[in-house]
């Protein structure tokens, strides 16, 4: 295990243990080097004010960087930010696009959310068939 892997592992452990100050210190340099898992967790901490003051700009920066690399949880997180206007302007169409990316990777939460969006016609055209398809895919994941 190299130093970066050790730091990442230690940072994730600190995050899971809710020692967010330590997690931020360990994960920040790795996130800046482009590691998607570190970026996702940094985004979560800034989005929710864990370990530091809540910062929407940094939350978006890190969440988007990880999402752009294909990190499913970050894609879901960015979808949530757009859906509810958390730190970003509310944009249901953008939210749906990010949920599709995460759902196609098999993330059940994104699949359920996508089903709901199709059922209600939020950010996508209302489509009961598509809603049921996504709900069914999510159910198979359980």
Protein backbone atom coordinates (compact mmCIF):
# COMPACT_ATOMS: atom_id res chain seq x y z
CA UNK A 1 0.00 0.00 0.00
CA UNK A 2 1.54 3.33 -1.04
CA UNK A 3 1.26 6.56 0.96
CA UNK A 4 -1.74 7.87 -0.99
CA UNK A 5 -3.64 4.60 -0.55
CA UNK A 6 -2.86 4.65 3.17
CA UNK A 7 -3.94 8.30 3.50
CA UNK A 8 -7.15 7.58 1.53
CA UNK A 9 -7.93 4.56 3.68
CA UNK A 10 -7.19 6.52 6.87
CA UNK A 11 -9.31 9.43 5.63
CA UNK A 12 -12.24 7.15 4.81
CA UNK A 13 -11.94 5.50 8.22
CA UNK A 14 -11.96 8.91 9.90
CA UNK A 15 -15.00 9.92 7.82
CA UNK A 16 -16.85 6.72 8.79
CA UNK A 17 -15.92 7.31 12.45
CA UNK A 18 -17.36 10.84 12.11
CA UNK A 19 -13.96 12.42 12.84
CA UNK A 20 -14.56 14.92 10.06
CA UNK A 21 -11.76 17.31 10.97
CA UNK A 22 -9.21 14.51 10.58
CA UNK A 23 -10.98 13.15 7.49
CA UNK A 24 -10.82 16.56 5.84
CA UNK A 25 -7.12 16.95 6.65
CA UNK A 26 -6.30 13.51 5.20
CA UNK A 27 -8.63 13.58 2.19
CA UNK A 28 -8.12 17.16 1.01
CA UNK A 29 -4.70 16.67 -0.64
CA UNK A 30 -5.84 13.40 -2.25
CA UNK A 31 -9.00 15.07 -3.56
CA UNK A 32 -6.87 17.86 -5.04
CA UNK A 33 -4.82 15.18 -6.84
CA UNK A 34 -8.03 14.01 -8.53
CA UNK A 35 -9.11 10.96 -6.50
CA UNK A 36 -12.89 10.60 -7.02
CA UNK A 37 -13.59 8.85 -3.69
CA UNK A 38 -11.77 11.58 -1.76
CA UNK A 39 -13.54 14.27 -3.82
CA UNK A 40 -16.94 12.71 -3.10
CA UNK A 41 -16.32 12.63 0.63
CA UNK A 42 -14.96 16.19 0.62
CA UNK A 43 -18.10 17.25 -1.23
CA UNK A 44 -20.27 15.54 1.40
CA UNK A 45 -18.42 17.25 4.24
CA UNK A 46 -18.69 20.71 2.68
CA UNK A 47 -22.32 20.15 1.65
CA UNK A 48 -23.33 19.24 5.20
CA UNK A 49 -20.88 21.38 7.18
CA UNK A 50 -19.07 18.35 8.62
CA UNK A 51 -15.71 19.25 10.12
CA UNK A 52 -15.85 22.76 8.68
CA UNK A 53 -18.37 25.45 7.97
CA UNK A 54 -20.81 24.46 5.25
CA UNK A 55 -19.54 25.74 1.90
CA UNK A 56 -21.77 25.31 -1.15
CA UNK A 57 -19.07 26.37 -3.60
CA UNK A 58 -16.62 23.72 -2.39
CA UNK A 59 -19.40 21.14 -2.06
CA UNK A 60 -20.23 21.59 -5.74
CA UNK A 61 -16.57 21.70 -6.79
CA UNK A 62 -15.72 18.36 -5.19
CA UNK A 63 -19.03 16.62 -5.89
CA UNK A 64 -18.91 17.61 -9.58
CA UNK A 65 -15.24 16.58 -9.92
CA UNK A 66 -16.05 13.10 -8.59
CA UNK A 67 -19.30 12.86 -10.59
CA UNK A 68 -17.50 13.81 -13.80
CA UNK A 69 -15.16 10.87 -13.17
CA UNK A 70 -18.15 8.52 -13.03
CA UNK A 71 -18.44 8.17 -9.23
CA UNK A 72 -22.05 6.96 -8.84
CA UNK A 73 -22.61 8.30 -5.31
CA UNK A 74 -21.27 11.70 -6.35
CA UNK A 75 -23.57 11.68 -9.38
CA UNK A 76 -26.47 10.94 -7.04
CA UNK A 77 -25.27 13.67 -4.67
CA UNK A 78 -25.10 16.22 -7.48
CA UNK A 79 -28.58 15.14 -8.55
CA UNK A 80 -29.84 15.83 -5.01
CA UNK A 81 -28.15 19.25 -5.01
CA UNK A 82 -29.93 20.17 -8.26
CA UNK A 83 -33.26 18.60 -7.29
CA UNK A 84 -33.55 20.56 -4.05
CA UNK A 85 -31.46 23.59 -4.98
CA UNK A 86 -28.85 22.82 -2.33
CA UNK A 87 -25.95 25.13 -3.10
CA UNK A 88 -26.92 25.18 -6.76
CA UNK A 89 -29.87 26.70 -8.52
CA UNK A 90 -32.77 24.27 -8.48
CA UNK A 91 -32.78 22.50 -11.85
CA UNK A 92 -34.89 19.35 -12.05
CA UNK A 93 -33.76 18.60 -15.61
CA UNK A 94 -30.08 18.65 -14.55
CA UNK A 95 -30.99 16.56 -11.49
CA UNK A 96 -32.63 13.92 -13.68
CA UNK A 97 -29.57 13.75 -15.93
CA UNK A 98 -27.29 13.05 -12.96
CA UNK A 99 -29.71 10.50 -11.49
CA UNK A 100 -29.74 8.65 -14.84
CA UNK A 101 -25.93 8.40 -14.78
CA UNK A 102 -25.93 6.98 -11.25
CA UNK A 103 -28.97 4.74 -11.87
CA UNK A 104 -27.36 3.22 -14.95
CA UNK A 105 -24.46 2.20 -12.70
CA UNK A 106 -26.91 0.26 -10.54
CA UNK A 107 -27.42 2.67 -7.64
CA UNK A 108 -30.85 1.72 -6.19
CA UNK A 109 -31.42 5.13 -4.55
CA UNK A 110 -30.95 6.84 -7.90
CA UNK A 111 -33.19 4.31 -9.61
CA UNK A 112 -35.96 4.95 -7.07
CA UNK A 113 -35.54 8.71 -7.37
CA UNK A 114 -35.66 8.46 -11.15
CA UNK A 115 -38.85 6.42 -10.90
CA UNK A 116 -40.34 9.16 -8.74
CA UNK A 117 -39.26 11.86 -11.20
CA UNK A 118 -40.92 10.01 -14.08
CA UNK A 119 -44.02 9.36 -11.99
CA UNK A 120 -44.38 13.06 -11.13
CA UNK A 121 -42.96 14.51 -14.35
CA UNK A 122 -40.19 16.40 -12.56
CA UNK A 123 -37.29 17.27 -14.85
CA UNK A 124 -38.50 14.64 -17.33
CA UNK A 125 -41.74 14.06 -19.20
CA UNK A 126 -44.26 12.24 -17.04
CA UNK A 127 -44.11 8.57 -18.01
CA UNK A 128 -45.70 5.82 -15.89
CA UNK A 129 -44.04 3.03 -17.92
CA UNK A 130 -40.59 4.53 -17.41
CA UNK A 131 -41.34 5.13 -13.71
CA UNK A 132 -42.28 1.47 -13.21
CA UNK A 133 -39.19 0.34 -15.12
CA UNK A 134 -36.90 2.26 -12.78
CA UNK A 135 -38.80 1.16 -9.66
CA UNK A 136 -38.50 -2.46 -10.82
CA UNK A 137 -34.75 -2.09 -11.44
CA UNK A 138 -34.31 -0.66 -7.94
CA UNK A 139 -36.33 -3.49 -6.41
CA UNK A 140 -34.10 -6.08 -8.08
CA UNK A 141 -31.07 -4.50 -6.34
CA UNK A 142 -32.42 -5.27 -2.87
